[in-house]
Amino acid sequence: MAVNKGKRRSSRIKFKPVPTNCIFCKQGLEPNYKDYNNLFKFISDRAKIVGKDRTGVCSKHQRVLGREIKRARHLGLLPFTPSLD
């Protein structure tokens, strides 16, 4: 059997990191479930939490944002499902 001793080529595409423009870092704020009007910006029309690649929020605040949206949903401030308008 022939053994391939050469270096393997990586077939992965390497992406450059995209700079984030986190509004929470810029303003020095933290996401809060009580400010549900501000949290509406981070859910889609189907009431799903929008990812950080589309919102520009940093990883730290995206984790907090998801938790606060779930809290607001549990308290009835945000919808679990889209409205039927």
Protein backbone atom coordinates (compact mmCIF):
# COMPACT_ATOMS: atom_id res chain seq x y z
CA MET A 1 0.00 0.00 0.00
CA ALA A 2 1.18 3.43 -0.84
CA VAL A 3 1.25 5.88 2.01
CA ASN A 4 0.61 9.50 1.19
CA LYS A 5 3.32 11.41 3.06
CA GLY A 6 2.70 14.80 1.48
CA LYS A 7 0.92 17.68 3.12
CA ARG A 8 -2.82 17.75 2.70
CA ARG A 9 -4.46 20.73 1.20
CA SER A 10 -7.20 22.34 3.18
CA SER A 11 -10.38 22.62 1.17
CA ARG A 12 -11.96 25.01 3.64
CA ILE A 13 -12.62 28.57 2.63
CA LYS A 14 -11.05 31.01 5.04
CA PHE A 15 -13.19 34.02 5.85
CA LYS A 16 -11.92 37.32 7.14
CA PRO A 17 -13.52 38.43 10.39
CA VAL A 18 -16.13 41.12 9.92
CA PRO A 19 -15.97 44.02 12.38
CA THR A 20 -19.07 44.26 14.54
CA ASN A 21 -20.84 47.47 15.37
CA CYS A 22 -22.45 46.54 18.64
CA ILE A 23 -24.92 49.21 19.69
CA PHE A 24 -24.79 48.02 23.30
CA CYS A 25 -21.01 48.44 23.48
CA LYS A 26 -21.17 51.88 21.85
CA GLN A 27 -23.89 53.18 24.17
CA GLY A 28 -22.56 51.41 27.27
CA LEU A 29 -25.90 49.67 27.87
CA GLU A 30 -26.98 46.11 28.56
CA PRO A 31 -30.05 44.44 27.03
CA ASN A 32 -32.93 44.32 29.51
CA TYR A 33 -36.24 42.44 29.31
CA LYS A 34 -38.11 45.48 30.64
CA ASP A 35 -37.13 47.48 27.55
CA TYR A 36 -39.18 45.29 25.22
CA ASN A 37 -39.64 48.06 22.63
CA ASN A 38 -35.89 47.94 22.02
CA LEU A 39 -35.91 44.12 21.90
CA PHE A 40 -38.41 44.16 19.01
CA LYS A 41 -35.54 45.20 16.73
CA PHE A 42 -33.80 41.88 17.35
CA ILE A 43 -36.65 39.52 16.47
CA SER A 44 -37.77 38.75 12.93
CA ASP A 45 -41.26 39.05 11.49
CA ARG A 46 -41.71 35.36 12.36
CA ALA A 47 -40.80 36.13 16.01
CA LYS A 48 -37.43 34.39 15.80
CA ILE A 49 -34.30 35.78 17.44
CA VAL A 50 -32.09 37.26 14.72
CA GLY A 51 -28.44 36.16 14.68
CA LYS A 52 -25.48 38.36 15.44
CA ASP A 53 -24.26 38.26 11.85
CA ARG A 54 -27.39 40.15 10.77
CA THR A 55 -27.71 42.52 13.73
CA GLY A 56 -24.04 43.42 14.24
CA VAL A 57 -24.15 42.71 17.98
CA CYS A 58 -21.03 41.27 19.63
CA SER A 59 -20.99 37.72 21.00
CA LYS A 60 -21.24 38.77 24.62
CA HIS A 61 -24.31 40.91 24.09
CA GLN A 62 -25.91 38.40 21.70
CA ARG A 63 -25.95 35.80 24.49
CA VAL A 64 -27.47 38.31 26.92
CA LEU A 65 -29.91 39.47 24.26
CA GLY A 66 -31.23 35.95 23.67
CA ARG A 67 -31.72 35.41 27.38
CA GLU A 68 -33.55 38.72 27.82
CA ILE A 69 -35.83 38.07 24.83
CA LYS A 70 -36.74 34.69 26.32
CA ARG A 71 -37.49 36.35 29.66
CA ALA A 72 -39.71 38.95 28.00
CA ARG A 73 -41.55 36.19 26.14
CA HIS A 74 -42.13 34.28 29.36
CA LEU A 75 -43.61 37.37 31.00
CA GLY A 76 -45.84 38.07 28.01
CA LEU A 77 -44.07 41.22 26.83
CA LEU A 78 -42.93 39.71 23.52
CA PRO A 79 -44.73 37.17 21.32
CA PHE A 80 -43.72 33.53 20.93
CA THR A 81 -45.44 33.42 17.53
CA PRO A 82 -45.98 36.09 14.86
CA SER A 83 -49.12 38.17 15.00
CA LEU A 84 -51.82 37.55 12.41
CA ASP A 85 -52.23 41.05 10.98
